[in-house]
Amino acid sequence: MKRVSITGRTTLIGLGIGFILFRYSVYCLVASLFIGIGVGLIIEYILSKKSNIT
């Protein structure tokens, strides 16, 4: 799996959740987007560490 696809997928998940929460506040949309990017970067980091060990 490519690194970009992990970040892209989690960003889209965050964006989808953000659109659901958009009716409450625009800040929920922005926060969900940043959380999606952050989760994707953390997953990439963990997977890169595992691939370096083996």
N, C-alpha and C. Protein backbone atom coordinates (compact mmCIF):
# COMPACT_ATOMS: atom_id res chain seq x y z
N MET A 1 0.85 -1.17 0.00
CA MET A 1 0.00 0.00 0.00
C MET A 1 0.89 1.23 0.00
N LYS A 2 0.56 2.18 -0.83
CA LYS A 2 1.37 3.38 -0.92
C LYS A 2 1.09 4.31 0.24
N ARG A 3 2.11 5.07 0.60
CA ARG A 3 1.99 5.98 1.75
C ARG A 3 0.95 7.08 1.48
N VAL A 4 0.92 7.56 0.26
CA VAL A 4 0.00 8.64 -0.07
C VAL A 4 -1.44 8.18 0.03
N SER A 5 -1.69 6.94 -0.31
CA SER A 5 -3.07 6.45 -0.28
C SER A 5 -3.60 6.36 1.15
N ILE A 6 -2.72 6.06 2.11
CA ILE A 6 -3.16 5.99 3.51
C ILE A 6 -3.58 7.37 3.99
N THR A 7 -2.74 8.37 3.74
CA THR A 7 -3.07 9.72 4.16
C THR A 7 -4.30 10.24 3.43
N GLY A 8 -4.40 9.95 2.16
CA GLY A 8 -5.55 10.39 1.38
C GLY A 8 -6.85 9.78 1.85
N ARG A 9 -6.80 8.50 2.17
CA ARG A 9 -8.03 7.83 2.63
C ARG A 9 -8.48 8.33 3.99
N THR A 10 -7.54 8.51 4.91
CA THR A 10 -7.94 9.01 6.23
C THR A 10 -8.39 10.46 6.16
N THR A 11 -7.82 11.23 5.22
CA THR A 11 -8.27 12.61 5.03
C THR A 11 -9.71 12.63 4.51
N LEU A 12 -10.01 11.75 3.58
CA LEU A 12 -11.38 11.68 3.07
C LEU A 12 -12.37 11.21 4.13
N ILE A 13 -11.94 10.29 4.99
CA ILE A 13 -12.80 9.87 6.09
C ILE A 13 -13.07 11.05 7.02
N GLY A 14 -12.01 11.79 7.35
CA GLY A 14 -12.17 12.97 8.20
C GLY A 14 -13.05 14.02 7.56
N LEU A 15 -12.93 14.19 6.25
CA LEU A 15 -13.76 15.16 5.55
C LEU A 15 -15.22 14.74 5.56
N GLY A 16 -15.47 13.45 5.38
CA GLY A 16 -16.84 12.95 5.43
C GLY A 16 -17.48 13.15 6.79
N ILE A 17 -16.73 12.86 7.84
CA ILE A 17 -17.23 13.09 9.20
C ILE A 17 -17.44 14.58 9.43
N GLY A 18 -16.52 15.38 8.90
CA GLY A 18 -16.64 16.83 9.04
C GLY A 18 -17.89 17.38 8.38
N PHE A 19 -18.26 16.83 7.22
CA PHE A 19 -19.49 17.29 6.57
C PHE A 19 -20.73 16.92 7.37
N ILE A 20 -20.67 15.79 8.07
CA ILE A 20 -21.80 15.41 8.93
C ILE A 20 -21.90 16.38 10.10
N LEU A 21 -20.75 16.75 10.67
CA LEU A 21 -20.74 17.65 11.83
C LEU A 21 -20.79 19.12 11.45
N PHE A 22 -20.80 19.42 10.15
CA PHE A 22 -20.78 20.80 9.67
C PHE A 22 -22.00 21.60 10.12
N ARG A 23 -23.10 20.92 10.33
CA ARG A 23 -24.32 21.64 10.74
C ARG A 23 -24.19 22.23 12.14
N TYR A 24 -23.28 21.68 12.95
CA TYR A 24 -23.07 22.22 14.29
C TYR A 24 -22.11 23.40 14.28
N SER A 25 -21.01 23.25 13.56
CA SER A 25 -20.02 24.33 13.52
C SER A 25 -19.05 24.06 12.38
N VAL A 26 -18.57 25.14 11.77
CA VAL A 26 -17.57 24.99 10.71
C VAL A 26 -16.25 24.51 11.29
N TYR A 27 -16.02 24.79 12.56
CA TYR A 27 -14.79 24.34 13.21
C TYR A 27 -14.74 22.82 13.33
N CYS A 28 -15.88 22.18 13.42
CA CYS A 28 -15.91 20.71 13.44
C CYS A 28 -15.41 20.14 12.12
N LEU A 29 -15.75 20.80 11.02
CA LEU A 29 -15.27 20.37 9.71
C LEU A 29 -13.76 20.48 9.63
N VAL A 30 -13.23 21.61 10.05
CA VAL A 30 -11.78 21.82 10.01
C VAL A 30 -11.06 20.86 10.95
N ALA A 31 -11.60 20.68 12.15
CA ALA A 31 -10.98 19.78 13.12
C ALA A 31 -10.98 18.34 12.61
N SER A 32 -12.08 17.90 12.01
CA SER A 32 -12.15 16.54 11.48
C SER A 32 -11.15 16.33 10.35
N LEU A 33 -10.97 17.36 9.54
CA LEU A 33 -10.00 17.27 8.46
C LEU A 33 -8.58 17.12 9.00
N PHE A 34 -8.23 17.93 10.00
CA PHE A 34 -6.90 17.84 10.60
C PHE A 34 -6.70 16.51 11.33
N ILE A 35 -7.74 16.03 11.99
CA ILE A 35 -7.64 14.74 12.67
C ILE A 35 -7.41 13.62 11.65
N GLY A 36 -8.11 13.68 10.53
CA GLY A 36 -7.92 12.68 9.48
C GLY A 36 -6.51 12.68 8.93
N ILE A 37 -5.95 13.86 8.70
CA ILE A 37 -4.57 13.95 8.22
C ILE A 37 -3.61 13.42 9.28
N GLY A 38 -3.83 13.80 10.52
CA GLY A 38 -2.95 13.36 11.61
C GLY A 38 -2.96 11.86 11.79
N VAL A 39 -4.14 11.27 11.74
CA VAL A 39 -4.25 9.81 11.90
C VAL A 39 -3.52 9.11 10.75
N GLY A 40 -3.67 9.62 9.55
CA GLY A 40 -2.98 9.03 8.41
C GLY A 40 -1.47 9.09 8.54
N LEU A 41 -0.97 10.22 9.03
CA LEU A 41 0.48 10.35 9.21
C LEU A 41 0.99 9.42 10.31
N ILE A 42 0.21 9.25 11.37
CA ILE A 42 0.61 8.33 12.45
C ILE A 42 0.63 6.89 11.95
N ILE A 43 -0.37 6.50 11.17
CA ILE A 43 -0.41 5.15 10.62
C ILE A 43 0.79 4.91 9.70
N GLU A 44 1.11 5.91 8.86
CA GLU A 44 2.28 5.78 7.99
C GLU A 44 3.55 5.59 8.80
N TYR A 45 3.70 6.34 9.87
CA TYR A 45 4.89 6.25 10.71
C TYR A 45 5.01 4.85 11.33
N ILE A 46 3.90 4.35 11.85
CA ILE A 46 3.92 3.02 12.47
C ILE A 46 4.25 1.94 11.44
N LEU A 47 3.65 2.03 10.27
CA LEU A 47 3.92 1.03 9.24
C LEU A 47 5.35 1.11 8.72
N SER A 48 5.90 2.31 8.65
CA SER A 48 7.29 2.42 8.19
C SER A 48 8.25 1.86 9.23
N LYS A 49 7.94 2.03 10.51
CA LYS A 49 8.78 1.45 11.56
C LYS A 49 8.72 -0.08 11.52
N LYS A 50 7.53 -0.64 11.28
CA LYS A 50 7.40 -2.10 11.21
C LYS A 50 8.15 -2.66 10.01
N SER A 51 8.12 -1.96 8.89
CA SER A 51 8.81 -2.47 7.70
C SER A 51 10.32 -2.36 7.85
N ASN A 52 10.81 -1.43 8.65
CA ASN A 52 12.25 -1.31 8.88
C ASN A 52 12.76 -2.38 9.82
N ILE A 53 11.92 -2.86 10.73
CA ILE A 53 12.33 -3.88 11.70
C ILE A 53 12.48 -5.23 11.03
N THR A 54 11.55 -5.60 10.15
CA THR A 54 11.60 -6.93 9.52
C THR A 54 12.45 -6.95 8.30
